[in-house]
Amino acid sequence: MLINFFLALKNTRIPVSITELLHLLEILKSRLVYADIDDFYYLSRMALVKDERHYDKFDRAFGTYFKGLEDLSSMIASMIPDEFLRREFEKSLTPEELEKIKSLGGLEKLIEEFKRQVEEAAKGEGKEKDKEGKGENGRGKEGKQRKGKKKRGKRTWDKRDYKAYDDNVELGTRGMKISLRRLRKLARTGAEDEFDIDTTIDKTAKNGGLLDIIMRPERKNTVKVLLLLDNGGSMDAHVKVCEELFSAARSEFKHLETYYFHNFIYDGVWKEHKRRMNERIDTFDLMHKYSHDYKVIFVGDATMAPYEITHAGGSVEHWNEEAGAIWMQRVMDTYDRVVWINPTPHDTWEYSNSVALTKKLVDDQMFPLTIRGIEDGMNFLTK
């Protein structure tokens, strides 16, 4: 059964290896848990999953595989896989993992040893229960309670508590903050208001035990970000997630400048959407004000008529003397790192000519608004 479970996790693209499986087997041999599906859930997640972004995938795979199972006693009878399963399992292993199993005596010996350990644990469990003593009418102390079936609430793995952690789902503010932290350049600046424990210990030791408290400036993220958000029209459907992105970025970046545009970048941007017609900021002024070391992040669905990008007068709000593509090229020439974050599903991009055009103009640095997409975008900006 554990081999089946291991393959089920591999099929959901959770990066589990034979090393993690062997660790789980070793822990089970020590009888840290036995015959309790809840305990096994926490134990197996701890042993097999090394990144919280895969917790939701693990919960779904666990719930599907162990559906209806109340305890693990049924694992004993089905511990050794059939010949087909054995071959499939070996196919999923790397040459290094196969060599490791071979050094342990082979897959057969590994499974047989584990089966023996589980059977011994089962016998030991039965003996312990016999020693607990019996109550009235030959029943145990909890005999009356055992007559009725124990009611269980919603299982932990069915609650989907880690849905927002999945690297392929849209983000909440917390997930965005975690992903945006990849874009960091830490430096100690400002007042010395942080206790430096290591230096304090070192100085105190050198002073023969006379306490010498050392303070230092706090490490802060010095990355400078220029955030440009598409506002209005088709982006109305993405208002909530863009608000969350703005909130997360504002908390993560000390040097953050935010401006808005509609559909595509032209000769002007604005700070407040309601005043976009009266208080527009010239894009040339924007590029002159913020130096080339700013990291530029565009956020928009890039969904529009292609002529809005390729032709003068393409803007639906005003007459633009030059095409949006020309303005985007100027941005690309001014700044070292530019990415475009798209809130629409990645698998729909191929059906939109305007998305393809935009993606090409930003040198293919377009990423979906998911945890994985944000992380990939931030990794590019840090290069």
Protein backbone atom coordinates (compact mmCIF):
# COMPACT_ATOMS: atom_id res chain seq x y z
CA MET A 1 0.00 0.00 0.00
CA LEU A 2 2.82 2.41 0.78
CA ILE A 3 4.25 1.82 -2.68
CA ASN A 4 0.85 2.61 -4.20
CA PHE A 5 0.62 5.73 -2.05
CA PHE A 6 4.12 6.79 -3.10
CA LEU A 7 3.16 6.46 -6.77
CA ALA A 8 -0.05 8.40 -6.17
CA LEU A 9 1.98 11.31 -4.80
CA LYS A 10 4.38 11.14 -7.76
CA ASN A 11 1.40 11.29 -10.14
CA THR A 12 0.23 14.54 -8.53
CA ARG A 13 3.69 16.02 -9.25
CA ILE A 14 4.78 16.19 -5.63
CA PRO A 15 8.60 15.90 -5.68
CA VAL A 16 8.92 12.84 -3.43
CA SER A 17 11.91 10.52 -3.72
CA ILE A 18 12.87 7.09 -2.46
CA THR A 19 14.89 8.80 0.28
CA GLU A 20 11.73 10.28 1.82
CA LEU A 21 9.94 6.93 1.48
CA LEU A 22 12.76 5.14 3.28
CA HIS A 23 12.65 7.72 6.05
CA LEU A 24 8.91 7.10 6.46
CA LEU A 25 9.48 3.34 6.62
CA GLU A 26 12.14 3.77 9.30
CA ILE A 27 9.81 5.94 11.40
CA LEU A 28 6.96 3.43 11.07
CA LYS A 29 9.28 0.64 12.17
CA SER A 30 9.87 2.52 15.41
CA ARG A 31 6.09 2.40 16.08
CA LEU A 32 5.85 6.14 16.51
CA VAL A 33 2.34 5.77 15.09
CA TYR A 34 0.22 2.69 14.60
CA ALA A 35 -3.29 1.98 13.30
CA ASP A 36 -4.41 5.61 13.34
CA ILE A 37 -5.05 7.31 10.00
CA ASP A 38 -4.87 10.81 11.49
CA ASP A 39 -1.45 10.18 13.02
CA PHE A 40 -0.26 8.61 9.79
CA TYR A 41 -1.43 11.67 7.84
CA TYR A 42 0.71 14.07 9.88
CA LEU A 43 3.66 11.70 9.96
CA SER A 44 3.67 10.97 6.24
CA ARG A 45 3.25 14.64 5.34
CA MET A 46 6.17 15.54 7.58
CA ALA A 47 8.38 12.81 6.09
CA LEU A 48 7.43 13.11 2.42
CA VAL A 49 6.67 16.79 1.76
CA LYS A 50 9.45 19.34 2.15
CA ASP A 51 7.71 22.46 0.85
CA GLU A 52 4.41 23.89 2.09
CA ARG A 53 3.37 24.79 -1.46
CA HIS A 54 2.72 21.06 -2.02
CA TYR A 55 0.55 20.57 1.10
CA ASP A 56 -2.72 21.03 -0.76
CA LYS A 57 -1.70 18.53 -3.45
CA PHE A 58 -0.72 16.10 -0.70
CA ASP A 59 -4.08 16.56 1.08
CA ARG A 60 -6.00 15.88 -2.12
CA ALA A 61 -3.92 12.82 -2.98
CA PHE A 62 -4.15 11.51 0.60
CA GLY A 63 -7.93 12.03 0.75
CA THR A 64 -8.46 10.27 -2.57
CA TYR A 65 -6.17 7.36 -1.81
CA PHE A 66 -7.28 6.67 1.77
CA LYS A 67 -10.96 7.49 1.28
CA GLY A 68 -13.07 5.61 3.81
CA LEU A 69 -10.10 4.14 5.69
CA GLU A 70 -10.46 4.55 9.46
CA ASP A 71 -7.23 2.86 10.53
CA LEU A 72 -4.08 1.41 9.04
CA SER A 73 -4.53 -2.22 10.07
CA SER A 74 -5.58 -3.12 6.52
CA MET A 75 -2.14 -2.06 5.29
CA ILE A 76 -0.55 -5.27 6.54
CA ALA A 77 -2.39 -7.56 4.15
CA SER A 78 -1.52 -5.47 1.10
CA MET A 79 1.99 -4.35 1.89
CA ILE A 80 3.70 -6.22 -0.97
CA PRO A 81 2.72 -4.90 -4.41
CA ASP A 82 2.01 -7.17 -7.37
CA GLU A 83 4.52 -7.67 -10.18
CA PHE A 84 3.08 -4.91 -12.37
CA LEU A 85 3.13 -2.40 -9.51
CA ARG A 86 6.69 -3.45 -8.68
CA ARG A 87 7.82 -2.66 -12.22
CA GLU A 88 5.97 0.67 -12.26
CA PHE A 89 7.56 1.64 -8.97
CA GLU A 90 11.05 0.87 -10.21
CA LYS A 91 10.40 2.94 -13.36
CA SER A 92 9.75 6.00 -11.22
CA LEU A 93 13.13 5.76 -9.50
CA THR A 94 16.37 7.40 -10.56
CA PRO A 95 19.50 5.24 -11.05
CA GLU A 96 20.84 6.59 -7.73
CA GLU A 97 17.65 5.55 -5.91
CA LEU A 98 17.71 2.07 -7.49
CA GLU A 99 21.32 1.70 -6.37
CA LYS A 100 20.36 2.72 -2.84
CA ILE A 101 17.60 0.08 -2.70
CA LYS A 102 20.05 -2.50 -4.06
CA SER A 103 22.50 -1.68 -1.29
CA LEU A 104 19.77 -2.37 1.26
CA GLY A 105 19.19 -5.85 -0.12
CA GLY A 106 16.69 -5.13 -2.89
CA LEU A 107 13.04 -4.12 -3.01
CA GLU A 108 11.82 -7.57 -1.95
CA LYS A 109 13.89 -7.57 1.22
CA LEU A 110 12.94 -3.99 2.02
CA ILE A 111 9.19 -4.69 1.82
CA GLU A 112 9.41 -8.03 3.61
CA GLU A 113 11.34 -6.46 6.48
CA PHE A 114 8.81 -3.69 6.79
CA LYS A 115 5.92 -6.17 6.72
CA ARG A 116 7.55 -8.16 9.53
CA GLN A 117 8.00 -5.02 11.60
CA VAL A 118 4.35 -4.05 11.12
CA GLU A 119 3.13 -7.53 12.08
CA GLU A 120 5.27 -7.49 15.24
CA ALA A 121 3.91 -4.07 16.09
CA ALA A 122 0.36 -5.38 15.68
CA LYS A 123 1.05 -8.27 18.07
CA GLY A 124 2.58 -5.91 20.60
CA GLU A 125 -0.42 -3.61 20.36
CA GLY A 126 -2.77 -6.51 21.07
CA LYS A 127 -0.82 -7.58 24.16
CA GLU A 128 -0.87 -4.06 25.56
CA LYS A 129 -4.65 -3.87 25.18
CA ASP A 130 -5.07 -7.21 27.01
CA LYS A 131 -3.09 -5.80 29.97
CA GLU A 132 -5.34 -2.76 30.34
CA GLY A 133 -7.86 -4.73 32.38
CA LYS A 134 -11.51 -5.50 31.77
CA GLY A 135 -14.57 -3.85 33.15
CA GLU A 136 -18.02 -5.19 33.93
CA ASN A 137 -19.37 -8.11 31.82
CA GLY A 138 -15.97 -8.76 30.32
CA ARG A 139 -15.78 -5.44 28.54
CA GLY A 140 -12.88 -2.98 28.78
CA LYS A 141 -13.17 0.23 30.78
CA GLU A 142 -14.38 1.98 27.69
CA GLY A 143 -16.58 -0.87 26.55
CA LYS A 144 -19.78 1.14 26.61
CA GLN A 145 -18.30 3.83 24.47
CA ARG A 146 -16.99 1.30 21.95
CA LYS A 147 -20.44 -0.14 21.31
CA GLY A 148 -21.36 2.84 19.18
CA LYS A 149 -19.45 3.90 16.12
CA LYS A 150 -17.25 6.90 16.81
CA LYS A 151 -18.39 9.93 14.90
CA ARG A 152 -15.74 11.88 13.10
CA GLY A 153 -15.87 15.40 11.77
CA LYS A 154 -14.36 16.57 8.55
CA ARG A 155 -10.91 15.13 8.11
CA THR A 156 -7.94 17.48 8.21
CA TRP A 157 -6.94 16.66 4.65
CA ASP A 158 -10.47 17.43 3.38
CA LYS A 159 -10.53 20.95 4.84
CA ARG A 160 -8.17 22.30 2.14
CA ASP A 161 -6.41 24.53 4.69
CA TYR A 162 -3.41 24.83 2.38
CA LYS A 163 -5.26 25.64 -0.83
CA ALA A 164 -3.69 29.12 -0.96
CA TYR A 165 -0.22 27.56 -0.70
CA ASP A 166 -0.53 25.65 -3.99
CA ASP A 167 1.89 27.08 -6.53
CA ASN A 168 -0.65 26.79 -9.36
CA VAL A 169 -3.61 28.63 -7.82
CA GLU A 170 -4.39 32.31 -7.67
CA LEU A 171 -2.90 34.08 -4.71
CA GLY A 172 -4.19 35.58 -1.53
CA THR A 173 -2.33 38.45 0.12
CA ARG A 174 -0.31 36.09 2.34
CA GLY A 175 0.83 33.96 -0.57
CA MET A 176 1.78 37.05 -2.53
CA LYS A 177 3.93 38.34 0.31
CA ILE A 178 5.80 35.05 0.50
CA SER A 179 6.40 35.05 -3.26
CA LEU A 180 7.40 38.71 -3.46
CA ARG A 181 10.06 38.16 -0.79
CA ARG A 182 12.16 36.44 -3.42
CA LEU A 183 12.83 39.92 -4.79
CA ARG A 184 15.19 41.08 -2.07
CA LYS A 185 18.46 42.90 -1.73
CA LEU A 186 19.07 43.25 1.98
CA ALA A 187 21.32 45.91 3.47
CA ARG A 188 21.77 47.37 6.94
CA THR A 189 20.79 51.02 6.86
CA GLY A 190 19.50 53.62 9.29
CA ALA A 191 19.71 53.84 13.07
CA GLU A 192 21.42 51.13 15.10
CA ASP A 193 18.34 49.81 16.85
CA GLU A 194 18.76 46.02 16.44
CA PHE A 195 20.54 43.90 19.06
CA ASP A 196 23.61 42.15 17.57
CA ILE A 197 23.81 39.07 19.78
CA ASP A 198 26.78 37.39 18.04
CA THR A 199 29.03 40.45 18.17
CA THR A 200 27.91 41.18 21.74
CA ILE A 201 28.99 37.69 22.86
CA ASP A 202 32.31 38.04 21.03
CA LYS A 203 33.07 41.49 22.48
CA THR A 204 32.00 40.42 25.98
CA ALA A 205 34.29 37.36 25.83
CA LYS A 206 37.22 39.51 24.72
CA ASN A 207 36.51 41.91 27.60
CA GLY A 208 36.94 39.14 30.15
CA GLY A 209 33.21 38.82 30.80
CA LEU A 210 32.45 42.53 31.06
CA LEU A 211 29.20 42.98 29.14
CA ASP A 212 29.60 45.02 25.96
CA ILE A 213 26.24 45.43 24.21
CA ILE A 214 26.51 45.99 20.45
CA MET A 215 23.66 47.36 18.36
CA ARG A 216 23.39 47.44 14.56
CA PRO A 217 21.04 48.82 11.87
CA GLU A 218 18.16 46.57 10.85
CA ARG A 219 18.48 44.73 7.55
CA LYS A 220 16.02 46.15 5.04
CA ASN A 221 15.06 45.36 1.49
CA THR A 222 16.70 47.99 -0.71
CA VAL A 223 15.16 46.83 -3.99
CA LYS A 224 13.33 49.62 -5.83
CA VAL A 225 10.12 48.65 -7.65
CA LEU A 226 8.04 50.49 -10.24
CA LEU A 227 4.59 48.85 -10.30
CA LEU A 228 2.32 49.64 -13.28
CA LEU A 229 -1.26 48.35 -13.00
CA ASP A 230 -3.84 48.02 -15.78
CA ASN A 231 -7.09 49.55 -14.57
CA GLY A 232 -10.63 49.40 -15.93
CA GLY A 233 -12.35 47.48 -18.73
CA SER A 234 -11.60 43.76 -18.76
CA MET A 235 -9.46 44.20 -15.64
CA ASP A 236 -12.59 44.84 -13.56
CA ALA A 237 -12.88 41.06 -13.18
CA HIS A 238 -9.45 41.01 -11.51
CA VAL A 239 -9.86 43.98 -9.16
CA LYS A 240 -9.77 41.91 -5.97
CA VAL A 241 -6.58 40.01 -6.78
CA CYS A 242 -4.86 43.20 -7.98
CA GLU A 243 -5.79 44.95 -4.74
CA GLU A 244 -4.24 42.04 -2.85
CA LEU A 245 -1.11 42.26 -4.98
CA PHE A 246 -0.83 45.99 -4.32
CA SER A 247 -1.29 45.43 -0.58
CA ALA A 248 1.36 42.69 -0.52
CA ALA A 249 3.84 44.75 -2.58
CA ARG A 250 3.36 47.81 -0.38
CA SER A 251 4.21 45.80 2.73
CA GLU A 252 7.24 44.06 1.15
CA PHE A 253 8.97 46.90 -0.69
CA LYS A 254 10.15 50.05 1.05
CA HIS A 255 10.90 51.71 -2.28
CA LEU A 256 7.68 51.16 -4.25
CA GLU A 257 6.15 53.51 -6.81
CA THR A 258 2.75 52.68 -8.27
CA TYR A 259 1.05 54.03 -11.40
CA TYR A 260 -1.92 53.05 -13.52
CA PHE A 261 -2.56 52.64 -17.25
CA HIS A 262 -5.42 51.31 -19.36
CA ASN A 263 -4.90 48.26 -21.57
CA PHE A 264 -1.36 49.22 -22.63
CA ILE A 265 1.40 51.69 -21.90
CA TYR A 266 1.22 54.89 -23.98
CA ASP A 267 2.38 58.49 -23.52
CA GLY A 268 0.82 58.94 -20.09
CA VAL A 269 0.04 57.18 -16.79
CA TRP A 270 -1.75 58.33 -13.64
CA LYS A 271 -1.75 57.96 -9.87
CA GLU A 272 -5.53 58.06 -9.29
CA HIS A 273 -7.92 56.37 -11.71
CA LYS A 274 -10.70 58.92 -11.17
CA ARG A 275 -8.41 61.77 -12.20
CA ARG A 276 -6.72 60.01 -15.11
CA MET A 277 -7.97 62.59 -17.64
CA ASN A 278 -6.91 65.65 -15.66
CA GLU A 279 -3.76 64.55 -13.85
CA ARG A 280 -1.85 62.42 -16.33
CA ILE A 281 1.90 61.99 -15.89
CA ASP A 282 4.02 61.95 -19.03
CA THR A 283 5.67 58.55 -19.52
CA PHE A 284 8.92 60.26 -20.53
CA ASP A 285 8.90 62.09 -17.16
CA LEU A 286 8.32 58.75 -15.43
CA MET A 287 11.35 57.16 -17.12
CA HIS A 288 13.52 60.18 -16.32
CA LYS A 289 12.42 60.30 -12.69
CA TYR A 290 13.05 56.65 -11.84
CA SER A 291 16.52 55.36 -12.64
CA HIS A 292 17.37 52.22 -14.58
CA ASP A 293 17.99 50.19 -11.40
CA TYR A 294 14.25 50.13 -10.65
CA LYS A 295 12.59 46.75 -11.24
CA VAL A 296 9.50 47.25 -13.42
CA ILE A 297 6.41 45.09 -12.93
CA PHE A 298 3.44 45.44 -15.28
CA VAL A 299 0.17 43.86 -14.14
CA GLY A 300 -2.59 43.40 -16.70
CA ASP A 301 -4.55 40.82 -18.68
CA ALA A 302 -3.10 42.10 -22.00
CA THR A 303 -6.52 41.41 -23.51
CA MET A 304 -7.40 43.97 -26.18
CA ALA A 305 -7.57 44.48 -29.92
CA PRO A 306 -4.07 43.99 -31.41
CA TYR A 307 -4.20 47.43 -33.08
CA GLU A 308 -4.21 49.00 -29.59
CA ILE A 309 -0.62 47.82 -29.35
CA THR A 310 0.62 48.15 -32.92
CA HIS A 311 -0.94 51.38 -34.24
CA ALA A 312 -0.96 55.10 -33.46
CA GLY A 313 -4.43 56.11 -32.28
CA GLY A 314 -4.99 52.60 -30.96
CA SER A 315 -5.83 53.72 -27.42
CA VAL A 316 -9.54 53.54 -26.63
CA GLU A 317 -9.32 56.51 -24.23
CA HIS A 318 -7.33 59.14 -26.15
CA TRP A 319 -5.40 59.76 -29.35
CA ASN A 320 -1.89 58.37 -28.96
CA GLU A 321 0.60 59.80 -31.45
CA GLU A 322 2.81 56.74 -31.23
CA ALA A 323 1.94 53.06 -30.98
CA GLY A 324 1.99 51.33 -27.62
CA ALA A 325 4.66 48.94 -28.92
CA ILE A 326 7.03 51.90 -29.34
CA TRP A 327 6.43 53.03 -25.76
CA MET A 328 7.00 49.53 -24.43
CA GLN A 329 10.30 49.33 -26.31
CA ARG A 330 11.37 52.59 -24.64
CA VAL A 331 10.59 51.11 -21.24
CA MET A 332 12.58 47.98 -22.11
CA ASP A 333 15.53 50.10 -23.24
CA THR A 334 15.45 52.20 -20.05
CA TYR A 335 15.19 49.48 -17.40
CA ASP A 336 17.35 46.40 -16.91
CA ARG A 337 14.59 44.13 -15.67
CA VAL A 338 10.92 44.21 -16.77
CA VAL A 339 8.23 41.57 -16.22
CA TRP A 340 4.52 41.37 -17.01
CA ILE A 341 2.20 39.59 -14.56
CA ASN A 342 -1.00 38.31 -16.17
CA PRO A 343 -4.02 37.43 -13.96
CA THR A 344 -5.70 35.33 -16.66
CA PRO A 345 -5.09 31.54 -16.70
CA HIS A 346 -1.88 30.58 -18.45
CA ASP A 347 -3.58 27.97 -20.62
CA THR A 348 -5.75 30.67 -22.27
CA TRP A 349 -2.89 32.88 -23.44
CA GLU A 350 -2.37 31.05 -26.73
CA TYR A 351 -5.87 32.05 -27.87
CA SER A 352 -5.19 35.81 -27.63
CA ASN A 353 -3.14 37.66 -30.26
CA SER A 354 -2.72 40.66 -27.96
CA VAL A 355 -1.29 38.48 -25.17
CA ALA A 356 1.18 36.97 -27.63
CA LEU A 357 2.20 40.45 -28.83
CA THR A 358 2.66 41.75 -25.30
CA LYS A 359 4.64 38.68 -24.27
CA LYS A 360 6.98 39.18 -27.22
CA LEU A 361 7.47 42.88 -26.45
CA VAL A 362 8.61 42.08 -22.88
CA ASP A 363 11.09 39.47 -24.17
CA ASP A 364 8.79 36.60 -23.14
CA GLN A 365 8.99 37.62 -19.48
CA MET A 366 5.24 37.21 -18.87
CA PHE A 367 4.16 35.20 -15.84
CA PRO A 368 0.75 34.05 -14.49
CA LEU A 369 -0.61 35.48 -11.25
CA THR A 370 0.02 32.30 -9.25
CA ILE A 371 2.54 31.53 -6.53
CA ARG A 372 4.78 29.79 -9.06
CA GLY A 373 4.33 32.63 -11.55
CA ILE A 374 5.16 35.35 -9.02
CA GLU A 375 8.21 33.42 -7.80
CA ASP A 376 9.47 32.89 -11.36
CA GLY A 377 8.97 36.59 -12.09
CA MET A 378 10.78 37.69 -8.93
CA ASN A 379 13.63 35.25 -9.65
CA PHE A 380 14.09 36.88 -13.06
CA LEU A 381 14.10 40.37 -11.54
CA THR A 382 16.81 39.40 -9.05
CA LYS A 383 19.25 38.23 -11.74
